[in-house]
Amino acid sequence: MKSIRPAEENDILPIATIESLCFPKAEAASLASFRARFEQFPECFYVIELDGKVVGHINGCRYHQPALPDELFENASLHNPEGVFQTVFGLAIEPSSQRQGLARLLLDHFILEAREKKLHGVFLTCKHHLIHFYEKSGVVCLGESESAHGGAKWFDMLLTF
């Protein structure tokens, strides 16, 4: 059975483990980073479970504008609880559970939560091969990002409500 729920403190280790399986080392958040983020903005973390086991996560902070500057990844204290945009730092499903539509369910849930909080939208960066995935949920590609996170080439994506 699939279920999505707010993350709890004891989910941070599985979240970090899944992240390390899904992202190159230079891009993956560390366990320490996840702990710092969760301490600052636990309300912005969700997990998806299959039969009671955490198999994926989505997280990001709130920000005052539609942007995702690289310093947000490094400094959890830049989270703005009054920010009107929900950012997405990461969306990851463990490899053995991929290709089952779980990432879409988690993304759409995160978007719905942002709408229900009366935010102005959701902002994220993604690699070129994922643009179409996000567009299926209404997120619009704004073009190449200035982000240099992990040394990769990113694209800015925005969904406004």
Protein backbone atom coordinates (compact mmCIF):
# COMPACT_ATOMS: atom_id res chain seq x y z
CA MET A 1 0.00 0.00 0.00
CA LYS A 2 1.25 3.51 -0.92
CA SER A 3 1.04 6.42 1.48
CA ILE A 4 2.43 9.94 1.64
CA ARG A 5 2.96 11.64 4.96
CA PRO A 6 4.96 14.45 6.56
CA ALA A 7 8.45 13.27 7.41
CA GLU A 8 9.44 12.64 11.01
CA GLU A 9 12.86 12.98 12.59
CA ASN A 10 13.48 9.23 12.39
CA ASP A 11 12.96 9.40 8.60
CA ILE A 12 16.08 11.53 8.07
CA LEU A 13 18.47 8.57 7.81
CA PRO A 14 16.35 6.76 5.17
CA ILE A 15 15.92 10.09 3.33
CA ALA A 16 19.68 10.65 3.24
CA THR A 17 20.28 7.06 2.15
CA ILE A 18 17.81 7.35 -0.73
CA GLU A 19 19.35 10.69 -1.72
CA SER A 20 22.83 9.11 -1.88
CA LEU A 21 21.51 6.35 -4.15
CA CYS A 22 19.80 8.76 -6.55
CA PHE A 23 22.16 11.72 -6.90
CA PRO A 24 25.86 12.02 -7.72
CA LYS A 25 27.97 12.68 -4.61
CA ALA A 26 28.56 16.33 -5.56
CA GLU A 27 24.79 16.95 -5.75
CA ALA A 28 23.43 14.78 -2.94
CA ALA A 29 22.67 16.37 0.39
CA SER A 30 24.54 14.83 3.31
CA LEU A 31 22.95 13.36 6.41
CA ALA A 32 24.18 16.40 8.36
CA SER A 33 22.61 18.72 5.80
CA PHE A 34 19.27 16.89 6.00
CA ARG A 35 19.36 17.09 9.79
CA ALA A 36 20.02 20.86 9.66
CA ARG A 37 17.26 21.38 7.10
CA PHE A 38 14.76 19.28 9.03
CA GLU A 39 15.53 21.26 12.17
CA GLN A 40 14.72 24.53 10.33
CA PHE A 41 11.77 23.47 8.16
CA PRO A 42 10.31 20.04 9.05
CA GLU A 43 6.97 21.13 7.57
CA CYS A 44 8.60 21.08 4.11
CA PHE A 45 9.56 17.38 4.15
CA TYR A 46 7.35 14.55 2.91
CA VAL A 47 8.00 10.86 2.42
CA ILE A 48 6.26 8.18 0.43
CA GLU A 49 5.97 4.69 1.83
CA LEU A 50 5.30 1.34 0.26
CA ASP A 51 3.95 -1.19 2.74
CA GLY A 52 5.23 0.93 5.64
CA LYS A 53 8.78 1.42 4.30
CA VAL A 54 10.05 4.87 3.28
CA VAL A 55 11.00 4.60 -0.42
CA GLY A 56 11.10 8.25 -1.42
CA HIS A 57 11.12 11.85 -0.30
CA ILE A 58 10.61 15.44 -1.40
CA ASN A 59 11.82 18.51 0.44
CA GLY A 60 12.61 22.17 0.04
CA CYS A 61 12.37 25.42 1.94
CA ARG A 62 10.09 28.42 1.62
CA TYR A 63 11.55 31.48 -0.07
CA HIS A 64 10.36 35.05 -0.67
CA GLN A 65 10.72 34.95 -4.45
CA PRO A 66 10.56 32.42 -7.30
CA ALA A 67 14.21 31.42 -7.14
CA LEU A 68 16.51 28.77 -5.77
CA PRO A 69 19.92 30.33 -5.15
CA ASP A 70 22.68 27.82 -4.45
CA GLU A 71 23.21 29.20 -0.94
CA LEU A 72 19.80 27.82 0.08
CA PHE A 73 21.21 24.30 -0.32
CA GLU A 74 24.05 25.10 2.07
CA ASN A 75 22.42 27.33 4.67
CA ALA A 76 19.16 26.00 6.13
CA SER A 77 18.70 29.19 8.15
CA LEU A 78 17.82 31.04 4.92
CA HIS A 79 14.43 29.31 5.03
CA ASN A 80 11.77 32.00 5.24
CA PRO A 81 8.67 30.64 7.02
CA GLU A 82 6.72 33.57 5.56
CA GLY A 83 8.08 32.95 2.05
CA VAL A 84 5.41 32.75 -0.63
CA PHE A 85 7.22 30.22 -2.84
CA GLN A 86 7.87 26.59 -2.01
CA THR A 87 11.20 25.42 -3.38
CA VAL A 88 12.10 21.84 -4.17
CA PHE A 89 15.61 20.85 -3.15
CA GLY A 90 15.20 17.19 -3.96
CA LEU A 91 12.77 14.54 -5.09
CA ALA A 92 14.08 10.99 -4.96
CA ILE A 93 12.70 7.46 -5.07
CA GLU A 94 14.92 4.52 -4.20
CA PRO A 95 16.04 2.74 -7.38
CA SER A 96 14.14 -0.51 -6.71
CA SER A 97 10.85 1.45 -6.40
CA GLN A 98 11.26 3.71 -9.42
CA ARG A 99 9.05 3.63 -12.52
CA GLN A 100 5.87 3.07 -10.48
CA GLY A 101 4.59 6.65 -10.56
CA LEU A 102 5.70 7.35 -6.98
CA ALA A 103 7.70 10.47 -7.85
CA ARG A 104 4.67 11.95 -9.62
CA LEU A 105 2.45 11.21 -6.61
CA LEU A 106 4.95 12.84 -4.26
CA LEU A 107 5.43 15.89 -6.48
CA ASP A 108 1.70 16.40 -6.97
CA HIS A 109 1.15 16.07 -3.21
CA PHE A 110 3.85 18.69 -2.54
CA ILE A 111 2.22 21.04 -5.08
CA LEU A 112 -1.20 20.50 -3.48
CA GLU A 113 0.22 21.28 -0.04
CA ALA A 114 1.71 24.53 -1.38
CA ARG A 115 -1.66 25.48 -2.94
CA GLU A 116 -3.51 24.73 0.30
CA LYS A 117 -1.07 26.99 2.19
CA LYS A 118 -2.03 29.77 -0.25
CA LEU A 119 1.53 30.15 -1.53
CA HIS A 120 2.21 31.84 -4.86
CA GLY A 121 3.88 28.81 -6.43
CA VAL A 122 6.60 26.19 -6.51
CA PHE A 123 10.14 26.73 -7.81
CA LEU A 124 12.80 24.13 -8.55
CA THR A 125 15.80 23.39 -10.71
CA CYS A 126 16.25 20.18 -12.64
CA LYS A 127 18.44 18.59 -15.26
CA HIS A 128 17.41 18.72 -18.90
CA HIS A 129 16.18 15.12 -19.05
CA LEU A 130 13.66 15.83 -16.24
CA ILE A 131 12.04 18.94 -17.71
CA HIS A 132 9.23 16.93 -19.32
CA PHE A 133 8.54 15.09 -16.04
CA TYR A 134 7.93 18.37 -14.22
CA GLU A 135 5.99 19.90 -17.11
CA LYS A 136 3.44 17.07 -16.77
CA SER A 137 2.56 18.57 -13.37
CA GLY A 138 2.18 22.07 -14.81
CA VAL A 139 5.67 23.33 -13.98
CA VAL A 140 7.07 25.62 -16.71
CA CYS A 141 10.70 25.67 -17.81
CA LEU A 142 12.16 29.17 -17.62
CA GLY A 143 15.44 28.22 -19.27
CA GLU A 144 18.94 27.47 -18.14
CA SER A 145 19.65 28.25 -14.49
CA GLU A 146 22.54 30.23 -13.07
CA SER A 147 22.92 27.45 -10.48
CA ALA A 148 26.28 25.73 -10.31
CA HIS A 149 25.14 23.24 -7.64
CA GLY A 150 27.27 20.12 -7.80
CA GLY A 151 28.91 21.33 -10.99
CA ALA A 152 25.88 20.30 -13.07
CA LYS A 153 23.82 22.17 -15.68
CA TRP A 154 20.37 23.02 -14.29
CA PHE A 155 17.14 24.48 -15.63
CA ASP A 156 14.83 26.79 -13.66
CA MET A 157 11.26 25.55 -13.34
CA LEU A 158 8.26 27.45 -11.98
CA LEU A 159 4.64 26.70 -11.26
CA THR A 160 2.58 29.74 -10.28
CA PHE A 161 -0.86 29.48 -8.71
